[in-house]
Amino acid sequence: MGRFLVALALTLGFAVLSAPHASASEGTRWQVTPCASGSKALWLPRVDKFGTDISCTTEEARAAAVKAAVDSGSPTRMMNVAIAFAQQISDKALTAESTCVLGAKGAIGEALGTCVAA
């Protein structure tokens, strides 16, 4: 059952997150903030509620967060893992010149990106 939920979450995550941003604004740009040496921008599953967060962290710290979420057996936390992975994959196409929606966050290479007014 758990593997089914993860597969379902991945499918839904790709369907939702791979759609083009219909409301991308012309008057916006990505503000790129480099991460400290040894870390990079990674999407992480939230622990206490539905959703994800992005921060500068290490692959090891992310792997520990993912393992804790999966080991919890919580469908919400497992869905958050699937969404975090889908967001990370989707962000591989982002560049500092990509269009964006005001307030959006993303991984621009290994740096954090925030969509701001141009």
N, C-alpha and C. Protein backbone atom coordinates (compact mmCIF):
# COMPACT_ATOMS: atom_id res chain seq x y z
N MET A 1 0.82 -1.20 0.00
CA MET A 1 0.00 0.00 0.00
C MET A 1 0.85 1.25 0.00
N GLY A 2 1.94 1.24 0.78
CA GLY A 2 2.82 2.40 0.86
C GLY A 2 3.45 2.74 -0.48
N ARG A 3 3.89 1.71 -1.20
CA ARG A 3 4.50 1.95 -2.51
C ARG A 3 3.47 2.51 -3.49
N PHE A 4 2.24 2.04 -3.38
CA PHE A 4 1.17 2.56 -4.23
C PHE A 4 0.97 4.05 -3.98
N LEU A 5 0.95 4.44 -2.70
CA LEU A 5 0.76 5.85 -2.36
C LEU A 5 1.91 6.71 -2.88
N VAL A 6 3.13 6.21 -2.78
CA VAL A 6 4.28 6.96 -3.29
C VAL A 6 4.18 7.09 -4.81
N ALA A 7 3.82 6.02 -5.50
CA ALA A 7 3.67 6.09 -6.96
C ALA A 7 2.56 7.06 -7.35
N LEU A 8 1.45 7.02 -6.63
CA LEU A 8 0.35 7.94 -6.89
C LEU A 8 0.79 9.38 -6.66
N ALA A 9 1.50 9.61 -5.58
CA ALA A 9 1.98 10.95 -5.27
C ALA A 9 2.92 11.47 -6.34
N LEU A 10 3.83 10.61 -6.81
CA LEU A 10 4.74 11.03 -7.87
C LEU A 10 3.98 11.39 -9.14
N THR A 11 3.02 10.57 -9.50
CA THR A 11 2.23 10.85 -10.69
C THR A 11 1.49 12.17 -10.57
N LEU A 12 0.83 12.39 -9.45
CA LEU A 12 0.12 13.64 -9.24
C LEU A 12 1.07 14.83 -9.19
N GLY A 13 2.20 14.65 -8.53
CA GLY A 13 3.18 15.72 -8.45
C GLY A 13 3.68 16.14 -9.81
N PHE A 14 4.00 15.18 -10.67
CA PHE A 14 4.47 15.51 -12.01
C PHE A 14 3.38 16.19 -12.82
N ALA A 15 2.15 15.73 -12.69
CA ALA A 15 1.05 16.33 -13.44
C ALA A 15 0.82 17.78 -13.03
N VAL A 16 0.89 18.04 -11.75
CA VAL A 16 0.63 19.39 -11.25
C VAL A 16 1.82 20.31 -11.50
N LEU A 17 3.02 19.83 -11.22
CA LEU A 17 4.20 20.70 -11.25
C LEU A 17 4.82 20.85 -12.62
N SER A 18 4.51 19.98 -13.57
CA SER A 18 5.13 20.11 -14.88
C SER A 18 4.30 20.98 -15.82
N ALA A 19 3.11 21.38 -15.40
CA ALA A 19 2.29 22.25 -16.24
C ALA A 19 2.93 23.63 -16.32
N PRO A 20 2.84 24.27 -17.49
CA PRO A 20 3.42 25.61 -17.61
C PRO A 20 2.68 26.60 -16.72
N HIS A 21 3.41 27.61 -16.26
CA HIS A 21 2.82 28.64 -15.41
C HIS A 21 2.02 29.61 -16.28
N ALA A 22 0.71 29.48 -16.26
CA ALA A 22 -0.14 30.32 -17.08
C ALA A 22 -0.12 31.77 -16.61
N SER A 23 0.18 31.98 -15.34
CA SER A 23 0.12 33.34 -14.80
C SER A 23 1.51 33.96 -14.63
N ALA A 24 2.51 33.44 -15.35
CA ALA A 24 3.85 34.01 -15.24
C ALA A 24 3.80 35.47 -15.67
N SER A 25 4.44 36.32 -14.90
CA SER A 25 4.39 37.76 -15.13
C SER A 25 5.58 38.23 -15.94
N GLU A 26 5.34 39.19 -16.83
CA GLU A 26 6.41 39.77 -17.63
C GLU A 26 7.33 40.63 -16.76
N GLY A 27 6.81 41.31 -15.76
CA GLY A 27 7.59 42.23 -14.95
C GLY A 27 8.24 41.58 -13.75
N THR A 28 8.69 40.34 -13.90
CA THR A 28 9.33 39.63 -12.79
C THR A 28 10.68 39.09 -13.22
N ARG A 29 11.48 38.73 -12.22
CA ARG A 29 12.78 38.11 -12.49
C ARG A 29 13.14 37.24 -11.29
N TRP A 30 14.07 36.34 -11.50
CA TRP A 30 14.55 35.51 -10.41
C TRP A 30 15.67 36.22 -9.68
N GLN A 31 15.53 36.36 -8.37
CA GLN A 31 16.60 36.85 -7.51
C GLN A 31 17.32 35.61 -7.00
N VAL A 32 18.58 35.47 -7.37
CA VAL A 32 19.33 34.26 -7.06
C VAL A 32 20.27 34.51 -5.88
N THR A 33 20.17 33.64 -4.87
CA THR A 33 21.01 33.72 -3.67
C THR A 33 21.83 32.45 -3.57
N PRO A 34 23.15 32.55 -3.71
CA PRO A 34 24.00 31.35 -3.64
C PRO A 34 23.94 30.70 -2.25
N CYS A 35 24.07 29.39 -2.24
CA CYS A 35 24.12 28.65 -0.97
C CYS A 35 25.57 28.60 -0.49
N ALA A 36 25.74 28.38 0.80
CA ALA A 36 27.07 28.25 1.38
C ALA A 36 27.79 27.04 0.79
N SER A 37 29.09 27.07 0.83
CA SER A 37 29.90 25.97 0.32
C SER A 37 29.48 24.66 1.00
N GLY A 38 29.33 23.62 0.20
CA GLY A 38 28.95 22.31 0.74
C GLY A 38 27.46 22.08 0.81
N SER A 39 26.67 23.11 0.49
CA SER A 39 25.21 22.94 0.49
C SER A 39 24.66 23.40 -0.84
N LYS A 40 23.41 23.04 -1.10
CA LYS A 40 22.73 23.49 -2.31
C LYS A 40 21.23 23.57 -2.05
N ALA A 41 20.54 24.24 -2.94
CA ALA A 41 19.10 24.42 -2.79
C ALA A 41 18.39 23.09 -3.05
N LEU A 42 17.70 22.61 -2.03
CA LEU A 42 16.98 21.34 -2.12
C LEU A 42 15.59 21.49 -1.53
N TRP A 43 14.62 20.87 -2.20
CA TRP A 43 13.25 20.83 -1.68
C TRP A 43 13.16 19.76 -0.62
N LEU A 44 12.53 20.08 0.49
CA LEU A 44 12.39 19.16 1.62
C LEU A 44 10.91 18.94 1.96
N PRO A 45 10.54 17.73 2.36
CA PRO A 45 9.16 17.49 2.77
C PRO A 45 8.89 18.12 4.13
N ARG A 46 7.73 18.75 4.26
CA ARG A 46 7.36 19.29 5.58
C ARG A 46 7.01 18.16 6.52
N VAL A 47 7.19 18.41 7.81
CA VAL A 47 6.96 17.40 8.84
C VAL A 47 5.57 17.52 9.43
N ASP A 48 5.13 18.74 9.68
CA ASP A 48 3.91 18.96 10.47
C ASP A 48 2.64 19.19 9.66
N LYS A 49 2.76 19.42 8.35
CA LYS A 49 1.57 19.65 7.53
C LYS A 49 1.90 19.36 6.08
N PHE A 50 0.90 19.44 5.22
CA PHE A 50 1.07 19.18 3.81
C PHE A 50 1.95 20.25 3.17
N GLY A 51 2.89 19.84 2.33
CA GLY A 51 3.69 20.80 1.58
C GLY A 51 5.17 20.52 1.64
N THR A 52 5.92 21.45 1.07
CA THR A 52 7.37 21.35 1.01
C THR A 52 7.99 22.71 1.31
N ASP A 53 9.26 22.70 1.59
CA ASP A 53 10.04 23.91 1.78
C ASP A 53 11.34 23.75 1.01
N ILE A 54 11.92 24.86 0.62
CA ILE A 54 13.22 24.82 -0.04
C ILE A 54 14.22 25.56 0.82
N SER A 55 15.41 24.99 0.94
CA SER A 55 16.46 25.66 1.70
C SER A 55 17.82 25.16 1.22
N CYS A 56 18.86 25.87 1.64
CA CYS A 56 20.23 25.42 1.37
C CYS A 56 20.57 24.37 2.40
N THR A 57 20.84 23.17 1.94
CA THR A 57 21.14 22.06 2.83
C THR A 57 22.02 21.05 2.10
N THR A 58 22.36 19.97 2.76
CA THR A 58 23.19 18.93 2.13
C THR A 58 22.32 17.77 1.67
N GLU A 59 22.86 17.00 0.77
CA GLU A 59 22.15 15.79 0.30
C GLU A 59 21.92 14.83 1.47
N GLU A 60 22.87 14.77 2.39
CA GLU A 60 22.74 13.87 3.54
C GLU A 60 21.58 14.29 4.45
N ALA A 61 21.47 15.59 4.70
CA ALA A 61 20.37 16.09 5.54
C ALA A 61 19.03 15.85 4.85
N ARG A 62 18.99 16.04 3.54
CA ARG A 62 17.75 15.78 2.81
C ARG A 62 17.40 14.30 2.87
N ALA A 63 18.38 13.43 2.68
CA ALA A 63 18.13 11.99 2.74
C ALA A 63 17.58 11.59 4.10
N ALA A 64 18.09 12.19 5.15
CA ALA A 64 17.59 11.89 6.50
C ALA A 64 16.15 12.35 6.66
N ALA A 65 15.81 13.52 6.12
CA ALA A 65 14.43 14.03 6.20
C ALA A 65 13.48 13.14 5.41
N VAL A 66 13.93 12.69 4.24
CA VAL A 66 13.10 11.80 3.42
C VAL A 66 12.89 10.47 4.13
N LYS A 67 13.96 9.91 4.69
CA LYS A 67 13.84 8.62 5.41
C LYS A 67 12.89 8.75 6.59
N ALA A 68 13.00 9.83 7.34
CA ALA A 68 12.12 10.03 8.50
C ALA A 68 10.66 10.12 8.05
N ALA A 69 10.42 10.80 6.93
CA ALA A 69 9.04 10.94 6.43
C ALA A 69 8.49 9.59 6.00
N VAL A 70 9.29 8.82 5.26
CA VAL A 70 8.83 7.51 4.79
C VAL A 70 8.65 6.56 5.97
N ASP A 71 9.59 6.56 6.90
CA ASP A 71 9.50 5.68 8.07
C ASP A 71 8.32 6.02 8.97
N SER A 72 7.83 7.26 8.89
CA SER A 72 6.71 7.66 9.74
C SER A 72 5.42 6.93 9.37
N GLY A 73 5.32 6.51 8.12
CA GLY A 73 4.10 5.85 7.67
C GLY A 73 2.95 6.80 7.41
N SER A 74 3.17 8.09 7.60
CA SER A 74 2.13 9.09 7.39
C SER A 74 1.92 9.32 5.90
N PRO A 75 0.69 9.12 5.39
CA PRO A 75 0.43 9.38 3.97
C PRO A 75 0.74 10.83 3.58
N THR A 76 0.47 11.77 4.47
CA THR A 76 0.75 13.17 4.16
C THR A 76 2.24 13.39 4.01
N ARG A 77 3.02 12.87 4.91
CA ARG A 77 4.47 13.05 4.84
C ARG A 77 5.06 12.34 3.63
N MET A 78 4.52 11.17 3.28
CA MET A 78 5.01 10.47 2.09
C MET A 78 4.65 11.23 0.82
N MET A 79 3.47 11.85 0.80
CA MET A 79 3.08 12.68 -0.33
C MET A 79 4.02 13.88 -0.43
N ASN A 80 4.39 14.45 0.70
CA ASN A 80 5.32 15.57 0.71
C ASN A 80 6.67 15.18 0.10
N VAL A 81 7.13 13.96 0.36
CA VAL A 81 8.38 13.46 -0.22
C VAL A 81 8.25 13.43 -1.74
N ALA A 82 7.16 12.88 -2.22
CA ALA A 82 6.95 12.77 -3.67
C ALA A 82 6.91 14.15 -4.31
N ILE A 83 6.24 15.08 -3.68
CA ILE A 83 6.14 16.44 -4.22
C ILE A 83 7.52 17.11 -4.20
N ALA A 84 8.28 16.92 -3.13
CA ALA A 84 9.62 17.51 -3.05
C ALA A 84 10.50 17.01 -4.20
N PHE A 85 10.46 15.71 -4.47
CA PHE A 85 11.25 15.16 -5.57
C PHE A 85 10.76 15.71 -6.91
N ALA A 86 9.45 15.81 -7.09
CA ALA A 86 8.91 16.36 -8.34
C ALA A 86 9.33 17.82 -8.52
N GLN A 87 9.30 18.59 -7.45
CA GLN A 87 9.72 19.99 -7.53
C GLN A 87 11.20 20.09 -7.89
N GLN A 88 12.03 19.23 -7.30
CA GLN A 88 13.46 19.27 -7.59
C GLN A 88 13.71 18.96 -9.06
N ILE A 89 13.02 17.97 -9.59
CA ILE A 89 13.17 17.60 -11.00
C ILE A 89 12.68 18.73 -11.89
N SER A 90 11.55 19.32 -11.56
CA SER A 90 11.00 20.42 -12.34
C SER A 90 11.95 21.61 -12.36
N ASP A 91 12.61 21.88 -11.26
CA ASP A 91 13.51 23.03 -11.16
C ASP A 91 14.77 22.88 -12.00
N LYS A 92 15.09 21.67 -12.45
CA LYS A 92 16.28 21.48 -13.28
C LYS A 92 16.22 22.32 -14.55
N ALA A 93 15.01 22.68 -14.99
CA ALA A 93 14.84 23.48 -16.20
C ALA A 93 14.92 24.98 -15.92
N LEU A 94 14.95 25.38 -14.64
CA LEU A 94 14.97 26.81 -14.30
C LEU A 94 16.34 27.42 -14.53
N THR A 95 16.33 28.64 -15.05
CA THR A 95 17.53 29.46 -15.15
C THR A 95 17.19 30.83 -14.59
N ALA A 96 18.19 31.64 -14.37
CA ALA A 96 17.95 32.99 -13.86
C ALA A 96 17.10 33.81 -14.83
N GLU A 97 17.05 33.42 -16.10
CA GLU A 97 16.27 34.14 -17.11
C GLU A 97 14.87 33.57 -17.31
N SER A 98 14.52 32.48 -16.64
CA SER A 98 13.20 31.86 -16.79
C SER A 98 12.11 32.81 -16.30
N THR A 99 10.91 32.71 -16.93
CA THR A 99 9.78 33.47 -16.43
C THR A 99 9.35 32.89 -15.09
N CYS A 100 8.69 33.72 -14.30
CA CYS A 100 8.29 33.23 -12.98
C CYS A 100 7.03 33.94 -12.50
N VAL A 101 6.45 33.40 -11.46
CA VAL A 101 5.28 33.95 -10.80
C VAL A 101 5.75 34.63 -9.52
N LEU A 102 5.35 35.88 -9.35
CA LEU A 102 5.79 36.67 -8.21
C LEU A 102 5.66 35.88 -6.90
N GLY A 103 6.75 35.79 -6.14
CA GLY A 103 6.75 35.09 -4.87
C GLY A 103 7.15 33.64 -4.95
N ALA A 104 7.25 33.08 -6.16
CA ALA A 104 7.62 31.67 -6.31
C ALA A 104 9.05 31.45 -5.83
N LYS A 105 9.33 30.23 -5.41
CA LYS A 105 10.67 29.83 -4.99
C LYS A 105 11.14 28.71 -5.90
N GLY A 106 12.44 28.57 -6.04
CA GLY A 106 12.96 27.50 -6.87
C GLY A 106 14.44 27.31 -6.67
N ALA A 107 14.93 26.17 -7.17
CA ALA A 107 16.36 25.88 -7.15
C ALA A 107 16.91 26.26 -8.52
N ILE A 108 17.71 27.33 -8.54
CA ILE A 108 18.34 27.78 -9.78
C ILE A 108 19.76 27.23 -9.74
N GLY A 109 19.98 26.12 -10.43
CA GLY A 109 21.25 25.42 -10.27
C GLY A 109 21.32 24.92 -8.84
N GLU A 110 22.37 25.32 -8.13
CA GLU A 110 22.51 24.93 -6.72
C GLU A 110 22.15 26.08 -5.79
N ALA A 111 21.64 27.19 -6.35
CA ALA A 111 21.30 28.37 -5.56
C ALA A 111 19.79 28.49 -5.34
N LEU A 112 19.42 29.27 -4.34
CA LEU A 112 18.00 29.54 -4.08
C LEU A 112 17.54 30.66 -5.01
N GLY A 113 16.34 30.51 -5.53
CA GLY A 113 15.77 31.55 -6.36
C GLY A 113 14.42 31.99 -5.79
N THR A 114 14.19 33.29 -5.83
CA THR A 114 12.90 33.85 -5.42
C THR A 114 12.45 34.78 -6.54
N CYS A 115 11.21 34.64 -6.97
CA CYS A 115 10.68 35.48 -8.04
C CYS A 115 10.26 36.83 -7.43
N VAL A 116 10.86 37.90 -7.96
CA VAL A 116 10.61 39.25 -7.47
C VAL A 116 10.20 40.14 -8.64
N ALA A 117 9.65 41.32 -8.31
CA ALA A 117 9.32 42.30 -9.34
C ALA A 117 10.60 42.80 -9.98
N ALA A 118 10.56 42.98 -11.29
CA ALA A 118 11.75 43.43 -12.03
C ALA A 118 12.06 44.88 -11.76
